[in-house]
Protein backbone atom coordinates (compact mmCIF):
# COMPACT_ATOMS: atom_id res chain seq x y z
CA MET A 1 120.25 76.39 128.69
CA LYS A 2 119.20 77.84 125.35
CA PHE A 3 117.58 81.23 125.02
CA ARG A 4 115.05 82.05 122.35
CA THR A 5 115.64 85.16 120.31
CA THR A 6 112.08 85.50 119.06
CA CYS A 7 109.13 86.89 120.91
CA SER A 8 105.50 85.82 120.84
CA PRO A 9 102.54 88.15 121.48
CA PHE A 10 101.40 85.54 124.00
CA GLU A 11 104.74 85.12 125.78
CA GLY A 12 104.16 85.00 129.50
CA VAL A 13 100.41 84.59 129.05
CA HIS A 14 98.75 81.58 130.63
CA PRO A 15 98.27 78.89 127.91
CA GLN A 16 94.56 78.69 128.69
CA ALA A 17 94.16 82.38 127.80
CA THR A 18 95.52 81.77 124.30
CA ASP A 19 93.18 78.78 123.89
CA LEU A 20 90.25 81.01 124.84
CA SER A 21 91.35 83.68 122.36
CA ARG A 22 91.70 81.11 119.61
CA ASP A 23 88.26 79.66 120.39
CA LEU A 24 86.68 83.11 120.48
CA GLY A 25 88.23 83.98 117.12
CA LEU A 26 86.88 80.77 115.62
CA ALA A 27 83.39 81.35 117.05
CA LEU A 28 83.32 84.92 115.73
CA ALA A 29 84.50 83.79 112.30
CA ARG A 30 81.74 81.17 112.21
CA LEU A 31 79.19 83.78 113.24
CA ALA A 32 80.40 86.06 110.45
CA VAL A 33 79.98 83.23 107.95
CA ALA A 34 76.46 82.56 109.25
CA TYR A 35 75.55 86.22 108.80
CA ALA A 36 76.98 86.17 105.29
CA LYS A 37 75.04 83.04 104.36
CA ASN A 38 71.87 84.72 105.60
CA GLU A 39 72.54 87.69 103.33
CA GLN A 40 73.51 90.08 106.11
CA PRO A 41 76.91 91.27 104.85
CA ASP A 42 77.07 94.33 107.10
CA HIS A 43 76.66 92.23 110.25
CA ALA A 44 79.12 89.70 108.85
CA LEU A 45 81.72 92.41 108.32
CA ASP A 46 81.25 93.86 111.81
CA VAL A 47 81.79 90.47 113.44
CA ALA A 48 84.59 89.53 111.03
CA ARG A 49 86.64 92.57 112.05
CA HIS A 50 86.86 91.18 115.59
CA ALA A 51 87.64 87.69 114.31
CA PHE A 52 90.41 89.12 112.12
CA GLN A 53 91.98 90.92 115.07
CA ILE A 54 92.12 87.69 117.05
CA PHE A 55 93.29 85.73 114.00
CA SER A 56 96.20 88.12 113.55
CA GLU A 57 97.40 87.14 117.03
CA THR A 58 96.59 83.42 117.09
CA GLN A 59 97.05 82.41 113.42
CA SER A 60 94.53 79.62 113.95
CA ALA A 61 94.18 77.38 110.90
CA ARG A 62 90.49 76.71 111.62
CA THR A 63 89.75 80.42 111.96
CA ARG A 64 91.64 81.10 108.74
CA ALA A 65 89.49 78.49 106.95
CA GLU A 66 86.29 80.13 108.20
CA LEU A 67 87.50 83.58 107.19
CA LYS A 68 88.46 82.26 103.77
CA GLU A 69 84.93 80.86 103.41
CA LEU A 70 83.63 84.30 104.35
CA SER A 71 85.73 85.81 101.57
CA ASP A 72 84.23 83.36 99.09
CA ILE A 73 80.71 84.29 100.16
CA ILE A 74 80.93 88.07 100.52
CA ALA A 75 83.88 89.59 98.74
CA VAL A 76 83.52 87.75 95.49
CA GLY A 77 79.74 87.54 95.41
CA GLU A 78 79.04 91.09 96.49
CA GLY A 79 82.14 92.76 95.06
CA ARG A 80 82.38 94.90 98.20
CA GLU A 81 85.57 96.90 98.38
CA ASP A 82 85.46 97.24 102.19
CA VAL A 83 85.35 93.48 102.62
CA GLN A 84 87.99 92.88 99.97
CA ALA A 85 90.35 95.38 101.65
CA LEU A 86 89.91 93.66 105.01
CA LEU A 87 90.58 90.24 103.50
CA ARG A 88 93.67 91.52 101.69
CA THR A 89 95.02 92.95 104.94
CA TYR A 90 95.11 89.45 106.42
CA GLY A 91 96.27 87.69 103.26
CA LEU A 92 92.98 85.97 102.59
CA LEU A 93 92.38 87.62 99.24
CA ALA A 94 94.92 88.22 96.52
CA TRP A 95 95.67 91.76 95.48
CA PRO A 96 94.06 92.69 92.17
CA THR A 97 96.30 92.49 89.13
């Protein structure tokens, strides 16, 4: 028997719970993108904060893609420092040079 030396934030959690978290993160990221596309950056940022929290735990590729799209819509277009800081925190926006 081999023992793992690493630990997951979801270790011991029912697999279905992690699926639900991942799906919720994706749905929230998509909602944030929808708000951003409808020129509601404040709502987008509020929702994105929750999506980012879930993304930090699940590392979902689909959620990451949605959040990256959000960065393309808001952070670059609006030049908002609060959004850019949030995106940098999760590695979705490069640090300024």
